[in-house]
C-alpha atoms as a PDB file:
ATOM      1  CA  MET A   1       6.014  -3.105  93.401  1.00  0.00           C
ATOM      2  CA  GLY A   2       4.996  -1.850  89.980  1.00  0.00           C
ATOM      3  CA  LYS A   3       2.720   1.069  89.348  1.00  0.00           C
ATOM      4  CA  LEU A   4      -0.716   0.160  88.024  1.00  0.00           C
ATOM      5  CA  LYS A   5      -1.618   1.354  84.538  1.00  0.00           C
ATOM      6  CA  GLY A   6      -4.615   2.083  82.368  1.00  0.00           C
ATOM      7  CA  GLN A   7      -8.104   1.050  83.428  1.00  0.00           C
ATOM      8  CA  THR A   8      -6.891  -0.803  86.530  1.00  0.00           C
ATOM      9  CA  LEU A   9      -5.212   2.369  87.835  1.00  0.00           C
ATOM     10  CA  SER A  10      -8.243   4.495  86.988  1.00  0.00           C
ATOM     11  CA  ASP A  11     -10.637   2.026  88.663  1.00  0.00           C
ATOM     12  CA  SER A  12      -8.450   1.804  91.773  1.00  0.00           C
ATOM     13  CA  LEU A  13      -8.284   5.595  92.140  1.00  0.00           C
ATOM     14  CA  ASP A  14     -12.058   5.867  91.584  1.00  0.00           C
ATOM     15  CA  SER A  15     -12.719   3.132  94.157  1.00  0.00           C
ATOM     16  CA  LEU A  16     -10.653   4.790  96.882  1.00  0.00           C
ATOM     17  CA  ASN A  17     -12.174   8.178  96.061  1.00  0.00           C
ATOM     18  CA  SER A  18     -15.705   6.730  96.340  1.00  0.00           C
ATOM     19  CA  PHE A  19     -14.812   5.008  99.634  1.00  0.00           C
ATOM     20  CA  HIS A  20     -13.486   8.355 100.889  1.00  0.00           C
ATOM     21  CA  GLU A  21     -16.651  10.191  99.782  1.00  0.00           C
ATOM     22  CA  ILE A  22     -18.902   7.608 101.459  1.00  0.00           C
ATOM     23  CA  HIS A  23     -17.177   8.197 104.794  1.00  0.00           C
ATOM     24  CA  ASP A  24     -16.330  11.896 104.380  1.00  0.00           C
ATOM     25  CA  PHE A  25     -14.170  11.916 107.508  1.00  0.00           C
ATOM     26  CA  GLU A  26     -11.657  14.503 106.237  1.00  0.00           C
ATOM     27  CA  CYS A  27      -8.545  12.506 107.107  1.00  0.00           C
ATOM     28  CA  SER A  28      -9.678  11.490 110.601  1.00  0.00           C
ATOM     29  CA  GLU A  29      -9.598   7.900 111.815  1.00  0.00           C
ATOM     30  CA  PHE A  30     -12.665   5.663 111.779  1.00  0.00           C
ATOM     31  CA  ASP A  31     -13.160   1.970 112.517  1.00  0.00           C
ATOM     32  CA  VAL A  32     -14.029  -0.568 109.849  1.00  0.00           C
ATOM     33  CA  GLY A  33     -14.320  -4.346 109.753  1.00  0.00           C
ATOM     34  CA  ILE A  34     -11.454  -5.899 107.792  1.00  0.00           C
ATOM     35  CA  LYS A  35     -11.265  -9.479 106.589  1.00  0.00           C
ATOM     36  CA  VAL A  36      -7.848 -10.686 105.480  1.00  0.00           C
ATOM     37  CA  ILE A  37      -8.116 -13.535 102.988  1.00  0.00           C
ATOM     38  CA  SER A  38      -5.273 -15.812 101.916  1.00  0.00           C
ATOM     39  CA  LYS A  39      -4.712 -15.881  98.150  1.00  0.00           C
ATOM     40  CA  LEU A  40      -3.307 -19.394  98.549  1.00  0.00           C
ATOM     41  CA  ASN A  41      -6.427 -21.119  99.892  1.00  0.00           C
ATOM     42  CA  ASN A  42      -9.096 -18.371  99.880  1.00  0.00           C
ATOM     43  CA  LYS A  43      -9.606 -18.716 103.665  1.00  0.00           C
ATOM     44  CA  ILE A  44     -10.098 -15.867 106.135  1.00  0.00           C
ATOM     45  CA  VAL A  45      -6.941 -15.535 108.236  1.00  0.00           C
ATOM     46  CA  LEU A  46      -8.013 -12.430 110.179  1.00  0.00           C
ATOM     47  CA  ASP A  47     -11.366 -10.761 110.822  1.00  0.00           C
ATOM     48  CA  LYS A  48     -11.115  -7.648 112.983  1.00  0.00           C
ATOM     49  CA  HIS A  49     -12.287  -4.089 113.500  1.00  0.00           C
ATOM     50  CA  VAL A  50      -9.368  -1.825 112.675  1.00  0.00           C
ATOM     51  CA  PRO A  51      -9.001   1.964 112.613  1.00  0.00           C
ATOM     52  CA  VAL A  52      -8.222   3.429 109.194  1.00  0.00           C
ATOM     53  CA  ARG A  53      -7.565   6.858 107.761  1.00  0.00           C
ATOM     54  CA  VAL A  54      -8.193   7.736 104.105  1.00  0.00           C
ATOM     55  CA  ILE A  55      -6.165  10.478 102.462  1.00  0.00           C
ATOM     56  CA  PHE A  56      -7.431  11.505  99.049  1.00  0.00           C
ATOM     57  CA  ASP A  57      -6.464  14.818  97.528  1.00  0.00           C
ATOM     58  CA  LYS A  58      -4.680  15.989  94.391  1.00  0.00           C
ATOM     59  CA  ASP A  59      -1.231  15.234  95.850  1.00  0.00           C
ATOM     60  CA  ARG A  60      -1.777  12.087  97.925  1.00  0.00           C
ATOM     61  CA  GLN A  61      -4.086   9.089  97.698  1.00  0.00           C
ATOM     62  CA  TYR A  62      -3.896   6.181 100.126  1.00  0.00           C
ATOM     63  CA  ILE A  63      -5.580   4.339 102.948  1.00  0.00           C
ATOM     64  CA  ASN A  64      -3.679   3.977 106.203  1.00  0.00           C
ATOM     65  CA  ILE A  65      -4.564   0.898 108.260  1.00  0.00           C
ATOM     66  CA  ILE A  66      -3.538   1.153 111.908  1.00  0.00           C
ATOM     67  CA  TRP A  67      -3.052  -2.541 112.639  1.00  0.00           C
ATOM     68  CA  GLN A  68      -1.187  -2.015 115.922  1.00  0.00           C
ATOM     69  CA  ASP A  69      -4.154  -0.121 117.434  1.00  0.00           C
ATOM     70  CA  ALA A  70      -6.291  -3.211 116.764  1.00  0.00           C
ATOM     71  CA  GLY A  71      -3.776  -5.460 118.518  1.00  0.00           C
ATOM     72  CA  VAL A  72      -2.313  -6.991 115.348  1.00  0.00           C
ATOM     73  CA  LYS A  73       1.339  -7.536 116.173  1.00  0.00           C
ATOM     74  CA  ASN A  74       4.010  -8.198 113.574  1.00  0.00           C
ATOM     75  CA  TYR A  75       1.614  -7.259 110.779  1.00  0.00           C
ATOM     76  CA  ARG A  76       4.494  -6.830 108.329  1.00  0.00           C
ATOM     77  CA  SER A  77       5.615 -10.415 108.830  1.00  0.00           C
ATOM     78  CA  LYS A  78       2.057 -11.419 107.922  1.00  0.00           C
ATOM     79  CA  GLN A  79       2.430  -9.526 104.611  1.00  0.00           C
ATOM     80  CA  LEU A  80       0.086  -6.767 105.767  1.00  0.00           C
ATOM     81  CA  PHE A  81       1.005  -3.157 105.278  1.00  0.00           C
ATOM     82  CA  GLU A  82       0.154   0.089 107.011  1.00  0.00           C
ATOM     83  CA  ARG A  83      -0.344   2.056 103.808  1.00  0.00           C
ATOM     84  CA  TYR A  84      -2.084   0.973 100.611  1.00  0.00           C
ATOM     85  CA  ASN A  85      -1.837   3.288  97.626  1.00  0.00           C
ATOM     86  CA  PRO A  86      -4.240   2.891  94.664  1.00  0.00           C
ATOM     87  CA  ASN A  87      -1.401   3.750  92.298  1.00  0.00           C
ATOM     88  CA  PHE A  88       0.250   0.434  93.244  1.00  0.00           C
ATOM     89  CA  ASN A  89      -2.530  -1.712  94.782  1.00  0.00           C
ATOM     90  CA  GLU A  90      -5.651  -2.753  92.914  1.00  0.00           C
ATOM     91  CA  MET A  91      -8.759  -1.505  94.717  1.00  0.00           C
ATOM     92  CA  ILE A  92     -12.321  -2.441  93.876  1.00  0.00           C
ATOM     93  CA  LEU A  93     -15.354  -0.844  95.501  1.00  0.00           C
ATOM     94  CA  ASP A  94     -18.298  -3.252  95.689  1.00  0.00           C
ATOM     95  CA  GLU A  95     -21.412  -1.209  96.451  1.00  0.00           C
ATOM     96  CA  ASN A  96     -23.553  -4.374  96.560  1.00  0.00           C
ATOM     97  CA  SER A  97     -21.643  -5.756  99.537  1.00  0.00           C
ATOM     98  CA  ASP A  98     -20.555  -2.359 100.933  1.00  0.00           C
ATOM     99  CA  SER A  99     -16.876  -3.221 100.758  1.00  0.00           C
ATOM    100  CA  LEU A 100     -13.542  -2.101  99.377  1.00  0.00           C
ATOM    101  CA  GLU A 101     -11.249  -4.896  98.202  1.00  0.00           C
ATOM    102  CA  ILE A 102      -7.501  -4.301  98.173  1.00  0.00           C
ATOM    103  CA  ASN A 103      -5.233  -6.665  96.269  1.00  0.00           C
ATOM    104  CA  SER A 104      -1.515  -6.025  96.701  1.00  0.00           C
ATOM    105  CA  THR A 105       0.966  -7.738  94.406  1.00  0.00           C
ATOM    106  CA  ASP A 106       3.462  -7.603  97.302  1.00  0.00           C
ATOM    107  CA  SER A 107       1.324  -9.820  99.513  1.00  0.00           C
ATOM    108  CA  ASP A 108      -0.328 -13.219  99.490  1.00  0.00           C
ATOM    109  CA  LYS A 109      -3.374 -11.625 101.155  1.00  0.00           C
ATOM    110  CA  ILE A 110      -6.459  -9.770  99.949  1.00  0.00           C
ATOM    111  CA  LEU A 111      -8.141  -7.248 102.245  1.00  0.00           C
ATOM    112  CA  ILE A 112     -11.908  -6.803 102.306  1.00  0.00           C
ATOM    113  CA  ILE A 113     -12.842  -3.602 104.147  1.00  0.00           C
ATOM    114  CA  ASN A 114     -16.519  -3.453 105.074  1.00  0.00           C
ATOM    115  CA  TYR A 115     -18.181  -0.117 105.583  1.00  0.00           C
END
């Protein structure tokens, strides 16, 4: 996993920060709808409400997705991760569709988190 650089890194950090500000939950868990889309065929492979926690401060920036609490077993074997960091995963906030898109280079999936 390579660290993002330049505008992509800046946009990813800004997107997670904006998502955090929209929810303003101060590191507590909240439920969101998450669609998992295959990069191979662009089809939805999972559509579920999942608890998440956003950490965004000067030392740490990431979104924690608690798949097991939503009943998603073996999420790692499905190339889903518990923690997505904007320093390494491209994140795009789409205010028109009220969603945060996460694209990990370590996975064949894209996450669309609706808020």
